[in-house]
Amino acid sequence: MRNTEANTLAELIEDCTELPLELRGEQASALPEPGAVTPWRVDDANYAQVADLDVYV
């Protein structure tokens, strides 16, 4: 009787690569392109969160 549980990460990866394409879902190439991102902005509230950080470091 074969153990169906993977005992190592390598075994898990090997098991997953043996799955038929029909069971793996859509291919990675079918993913939509990421959209534009909004640049980060730091405001007074952000600064207030770390104002006393030196006390803890």
PDB file of N, CA and C in Angstrom:
ATOM      1  N   MET A   1       0.844  -1.177   0.000  1.00  0.00           N
ATOM      2  CA  MET A   1       0.000   0.000   0.000  1.00  0.00           C
ATOM      3  C   MET A   1       0.898   1.252   0.000  1.00  0.00           C
ATOM      4  N   ARG A   2       0.610   2.202  -0.879  1.00  0.00           N
ATOM      5  CA  ARG A   2       1.416   3.406  -1.014  1.00  0.00           C
ATOM      6  C   ARG A   2       0.875   4.495  -0.098  1.00  0.00           C
ATOM      7  N   ASN A   3       1.779   5.177   0.578  1.00  0.00           N
ATOM      8  CA  ASN A   3       1.398   6.300   1.417  1.00  0.00           C
ATOM      9  C   ASN A   3       1.001   7.454   0.501  1.00  0.00           C
ATOM     10  N   THR A   4      -0.200   7.996   0.661  1.00  0.00           N
ATOM     11  CA  THR A   4      -0.673   9.067  -0.218  1.00  0.00           C
ATOM     12  C   THR A   4      -0.343  10.452   0.322  1.00  0.00           C
ATOM     13  N   GLU A   5       0.195  10.528   1.508  1.00  0.00           N
ATOM     14  CA  GLU A   5       0.568  11.812   2.093  1.00  0.00           C
ATOM     15  C   GLU A   5       2.035  12.110   1.797  1.00  0.00           C
ATOM     16  N   ALA A   6       2.298  13.342   1.388  1.00  0.00           N
ATOM     17  CA  ALA A   6       3.685  13.757   1.167  1.00  0.00           C
ATOM     18  C   ALA A   6       4.340  14.018   2.514  1.00  0.00           C
ATOM     19  N   ASN A   7       5.539  13.504   2.683  1.00  0.00           N
ATOM     20  CA  ASN A   7       6.268  13.691   3.937  1.00  0.00           C
ATOM     21  C   ASN A   7       7.292  14.823   3.869  1.00  0.00           C
ATOM     22  N   THR A   8       7.610  15.249   2.658  1.00  0.00           N
ATOM     23  CA  THR A   8       8.573  16.328   2.485  1.00  0.00           C
ATOM     24  C   THR A   8       8.028  17.306   1.450  1.00  0.00           C
ATOM     25  N   LEU A   9       8.623  18.485   1.390  1.00  0.00           N
ATOM     26  CA  LEU A   9       8.225  19.477   0.404  1.00  0.00           C
ATOM     27  C   LEU A   9       8.509  18.956  -1.006  1.00  0.00           C
ATOM     28  N   ALA A  10       9.618  18.274  -1.181  1.00  0.00           N
ATOM     29  CA  ALA A  10       9.961  17.724  -2.492  1.00  0.00           C
ATOM     30  C   ALA A  10       8.904  16.729  -2.963  1.00  0.00           C
ATOM     31  N   GLU A  11       8.413  15.883  -2.050  1.00  0.00           N
ATOM     32  CA  GLU A  11       7.369  14.918  -2.404  1.00  0.00           C
ATOM     33  C   GLU A  11       6.074  15.643  -2.768  1.00  0.00           C
ATOM     34  N   LEU A  12       5.755  16.679  -2.046  1.00  0.00           N
ATOM     35  CA  LEU A  12       4.542  17.442  -2.327  1.00  0.00           C
ATOM     36  C   LEU A  12       4.618  18.075  -3.715  1.00  0.00           C
ATOM     37  N   ILE A  13       5.756  18.675  -4.032  1.00  0.00           N
ATOM     38  CA  ILE A  13       5.932  19.286  -5.351  1.00  0.00           C
ATOM     39  C   ILE A  13       5.832  18.227  -6.444  1.00  0.00           C
ATOM     40  N   GLU A  14       6.462  17.095  -6.219  1.00  0.00           N
ATOM     41  CA  GLU A  14       6.402  16.008  -7.199  1.00  0.00           C
ATOM     42  C   GLU A  14       4.965  15.534  -7.400  1.00  0.00           C
ATOM     43  N   ASP A  15       4.228  15.383  -6.309  1.00  0.00           N
ATOM     44  CA  ASP A  15       2.833  14.958  -6.401  1.00  0.00           C
ATOM     45  C   ASP A  15       2.002  15.966  -7.191  1.00  0.00           C
ATOM     46  N   CYS A  16       2.241  17.246  -6.971  1.00  0.00           N
ATOM     47  CA  CYS A  16       1.455  18.275  -7.648  1.00  0.00           C
ATOM     48  C   CYS A  16       1.763  18.333  -9.137  1.00  0.00           C
ATOM     49  N   THR A  17       3.004  18.065  -9.514  1.00  0.00           N
ATOM     50  CA  THR A  17       3.353  18.104 -10.936  1.00  0.00           C
ATOM     51  C   THR A  17       2.791  16.909 -11.676  1.00  0.00           C
ATOM     52  N   GLU A  18       2.376  15.878 -10.940  1.00  0.00           N
ATOM     53  CA  GLU A  18       1.789  14.706 -11.578  1.00  0.00           C
ATOM     54  C   GLU A  18       0.300  14.869 -11.847  1.00  0.00           C
ATOM     55  N   LEU A  19      -0.304  15.954 -11.376  1.00  0.00           N
ATOM     56  CA  LEU A  19      -1.732  16.177 -11.598  1.00  0.00           C
ATOM     57  C   LEU A  19      -2.000  16.449 -13.077  1.00  0.00           C
ATOM     58  N   PRO A  20      -3.065  15.875 -13.627  1.00  0.00           N
ATOM     59  CA  PRO A  20      -3.420  16.180 -15.016  1.00  0.00           C
ATOM     60  C   PRO A  20      -3.783  17.663 -15.165  1.00  0.00           C
ATOM     61  N   LEU A  21      -3.552  18.215 -16.352  1.00  0.00           N
ATOM     62  CA  LEU A  21      -3.853  19.623 -16.601  1.00  0.00           C
ATOM     63  C   LEU A  21      -5.307  19.962 -16.303  1.00  0.00           C
ATOM     64  N   GLU A  22      -6.211  19.035 -16.550  1.00  0.00           N
ATOM     65  CA  GLU A  22      -7.633  19.297 -16.310  1.00  0.00           C
ATOM     66  C   GLU A  22      -7.928  19.605 -14.847  1.00  0.00           C
ATOM     67  N   LEU A  23      -7.123  19.044 -13.947  1.00  0.00           N
ATOM     68  CA  LEU A  23      -7.344  19.238 -12.513  1.00  0.00           C
ATOM     69  C   LEU A  23      -6.575  20.427 -11.949  1.00  0.00           C
ATOM     70  N   ARG A  24      -5.645  20.974 -12.699  1.00  0.00           N
ATOM     71  CA  ARG A  24      -4.832  22.079 -12.212  1.00  0.00           C
ATOM     72  C   ARG A  24      -5.504  23.436 -12.384  1.00  0.00           C
ATOM     73  N   GLY A  25      -6.570  23.511 -13.142  1.00  0.00           N
ATOM     74  CA  GLY A  25      -7.222  24.806 -13.369  1.00  0.00           C
ATOM     75  C   GLY A  25      -6.566  25.538 -14.517  1.00  0.00           C
ATOM     76  N   GLU A  26      -6.826  26.827 -14.608  1.00  0.00           N
ATOM     77  CA  GLU A  26      -6.295  27.626 -15.705  1.00  0.00           C
ATOM     78  C   GLU A  26      -4.783  27.778 -15.584  1.00  0.00           C
ATOM     79  N   GLN A  27      -4.146  27.939 -16.708  1.00  0.00           N
ATOM     80  CA  GLN A  27      -2.702  28.149 -16.747  1.00  0.00           C
ATOM     81  C   GLN A  27      -2.375  29.557 -16.270  1.00  0.00           C
ATOM     82  N   ALA A  28      -1.165  29.758 -15.781  1.00  0.00           N
ATOM     83  CA  ALA A  28      -0.734  31.060 -15.283  1.00  0.00           C
ATOM     84  C   ALA A  28      -0.791  32.125 -16.368  1.00  0.00           C
ATOM     85  N   SER A  29      -0.595  31.738 -17.632  1.00  0.00           N
ATOM     86  CA  SER A  29      -0.622  32.711 -18.721  1.00  0.00           C
ATOM     87  C   SER A  29      -2.014  33.292 -18.923  1.00  0.00           C
ATOM     88  N   ALA A  30      -3.040  32.653 -18.365  1.00  0.00           N
ATOM     89  CA  ALA A  30      -4.400  33.129 -18.524  1.00  0.00           C
ATOM     90  C   ALA A  30      -4.747  34.219 -17.506  1.00  0.00           C
ATOM     91  N   LEU A  31      -3.827  34.531 -16.607  1.00  0.00           N
ATOM     92  CA  LEU A  31      -4.096  35.551 -15.604  1.00  0.00           C
ATOM     93  C   LEU A  31      -4.103  36.932 -16.243  1.00  0.00           C
ATOM     94  N   PRO A  32      -4.960  37.825 -15.767  1.00  0.00           N
ATOM     95  CA  PRO A  32      -4.983  39.167 -16.332  1.00  0.00           C
ATOM     96  C   PRO A  32      -3.724  39.949 -15.956  1.00  0.00           C
ATOM     97  N   GLU A  33      -3.371  40.890 -16.790  1.00  0.00           N
ATOM     98  CA  GLU A  33      -2.232  41.754 -16.508  1.00  0.00           C
ATOM     99  C   GLU A  33      -2.561  42.655 -15.328  1.00  0.00           C
ATOM    100  N   PRO A  34      -1.592  42.921 -14.445  1.00  0.00           N
ATOM    101  CA  PRO A  34      -1.867  43.814 -13.317  1.00  0.00           C
ATOM    102  C   PRO A  34      -2.110  45.235 -13.822  1.00  0.00           C
ATOM    103  N   GLY A  35      -2.981  45.936 -13.145  1.00  0.00           N
ATOM    104  CA  GLY A  35      -3.283  47.312 -13.512  1.00  0.00           C
ATOM    105  C   GLY A  35      -2.287  48.279 -12.904  1.00  0.00           C
ATOM    106  N   ALA A  36      -2.504  49.536 -13.195  1.00  0.00           N
ATOM    107  CA  ALA A  36      -1.633  50.573 -12.647  1.00  0.00           C
ATOM    108  C   ALA A  36      -1.846  50.674 -11.142  1.00  0.00           C
ATOM    109  N   VAL A  37      -0.791  50.968 -10.431  1.00  0.00           N
ATOM    110  CA  VAL A  37      -0.888  51.095  -8.975  1.00  0.00           C
ATOM    111  C   VAL A  37      -0.788  52.564  -8.577  1.00  0.00           C
ATOM    112  N   THR A  38      -1.412  52.882  -7.469  1.00  0.00           N
ATOM    113  CA  THR A  38      -1.341  54.229  -6.939  1.00  0.00           C
ATOM    114  C   THR A  38      -0.052  54.366  -6.137  1.00  0.00           C
ATOM    115  N   PRO A  39       0.723  55.417  -6.374  1.00  0.00           N
ATOM    116  CA  PRO A  39       1.961  55.583  -5.594  1.00  0.00           C
ATOM    117  C   PRO A  39       1.654  55.761  -4.109  1.00  0.00           C
ATOM    118  N   TRP A  40       2.567  55.320  -3.277  1.00  0.00           N
ATOM    119  CA  TRP A  40       2.409  55.472  -1.840  1.00  0.00           C
ATOM    120  C   TRP A  40       2.517  56.933  -1.464  1.00  0.00           C
ATOM    121  N   ARG A  41       1.736  57.301  -0.482  1.00  0.00           N
ATOM    122  CA  ARG A  41       1.806  58.650   0.054  1.00  0.00           C
ATOM    123  C   ARG A  41       1.879  58.534   1.578  1.00  0.00           C
ATOM    124  N   VAL A  42       2.766  59.291   2.170  1.00  0.00           N
ATOM    125  CA  VAL A  42       2.928  59.274   3.619  1.00  0.00           C
ATOM    126  C   VAL A  42       2.359  60.574   4.150  1.00  0.00           C
ATOM    127  N   ASP A  43       1.418  60.429   5.100  1.00  0.00           N
ATOM    128  CA  ASP A  43       0.811  61.625   5.671  1.00  0.00           C
ATOM    129  C   ASP A  43       1.100  61.685   7.170  1.00  0.00           C
ATOM    130  N   ASP A  44       0.524  62.668   7.833  1.00  0.00           N
ATOM    131  CA  ASP A  44       0.767  62.842   9.274  1.00  0.00           C
ATOM    132  C   ASP A  44       0.342  61.629  10.085  1.00  0.00           C
ATOM    133  N   ALA A  45      -0.723  60.956   9.680  1.00  0.00           N
ATOM    134  CA  ALA A  45      -1.178  59.768  10.406  1.00  0.00           C
ATOM    135  C   ALA A  45      -0.123  58.663  10.346  1.00  0.00           C
ATOM    136  N   ASN A  46       0.533  58.523   9.185  1.00  0.00           N
ATOM    137  CA  ASN A  46       1.598  57.529   9.070  1.00  0.00           C
ATOM    138  C   ASN A  46       2.769  57.873   9.975  1.00  0.00           C
ATOM    139  N   TYR A  47       3.173  59.106   9.972  1.00  0.00           N
ATOM    140  CA  TYR A  47       4.267  59.537  10.836  1.00  0.00           C
ATOM    141  C   TYR A  47       3.916  59.333  12.312  1.00  0.00           C
ATOM    142  N   ALA A  48       2.668  59.574  12.685  1.00  0.00           N
ATOM    143  CA  ALA A  48       2.253  59.424  14.074  1.00  0.00           C
ATOM    144  C   ALA A  48       2.365  57.968  14.536  1.00  0.00           C
ATOM    145  N   GLN A  49       2.184  57.024  13.619  1.00  0.00           N
ATOM    146  CA  GLN A  49       2.266  55.610  13.985  1.00  0.00           C
ATOM    147  C   GLN A  49       3.673  55.215  14.427  1.00  0.00           C
ATOM    148  N   VAL A  50       4.680  55.898  13.917  1.00  0.00           N
ATOM    149  CA  VAL A  50       6.058  55.521  14.243  1.00  0.00           C
ATOM    150  C   VAL A  50       6.801  56.614  15.000  1.00  0.00           C
ATOM    151  N   ALA A  51       6.089  57.586  15.502  1.00  0.00           N
ATOM    152  CA  ALA A  51       6.709  58.732  16.157  1.00  0.00           C
ATOM    153  C   ALA A  51       7.601  58.317  17.326  1.00  0.00           C
ATOM    154  N   ASP A  52       7.172  57.371  18.135  1.00  0.00           N
ATOM    155  CA  ASP A  52       7.924  56.968  19.322  1.00  0.00           C
ATOM    156  C   ASP A  52       8.641  55.632  19.115  1.00  0.00           C
ATOM    157  N   LEU A  53       8.906  55.275  17.886  1.00  0.00           N
ATOM    158  CA  LEU A  53       9.534  53.987  17.595  1.00  0.00           C
ATOM    159  C   LEU A  53      10.894  53.853  18.275  1.00  0.00           C
ATOM    160  N   ASP A  54      11.648  54.918  18.355  1.00  0.00           N
ATOM    161  CA  ASP A  54      12.975  54.852  18.983  1.00  0.00           C
ATOM    162  C   ASP A  54      12.911  54.399  20.432  1.00  0.00           C
ATOM    163  N   VAL A  55      11.800  54.620  21.094  1.00  0.00           N
ATOM    164  CA  VAL A  55      11.638  54.189  22.470  1.00  0.00           C
ATOM    165  C   VAL A  55      11.669  52.666  22.562  1.00  0.00           C
ATOM    166  N   TYR A  56      11.146  51.983  21.544  1.00  0.00           N
ATOM    167  CA  TYR A  56      11.052  50.530  21.573  1.00  0.00           C
ATOM    168  C   TYR A  56      12.268  49.829  20.969  1.00  0.00           C
ATOM    169  N   VAL A  57      13.067  50.560  20.235  1.00  0.00           N
ATOM    170  CA  VAL A  57      14.193  49.923  19.526  1.00  0.00           C
ATOM    171  C   VAL A  57      15.429  49.905  20.398  1.00  0.00           C
TER     172      VAL A  57
END
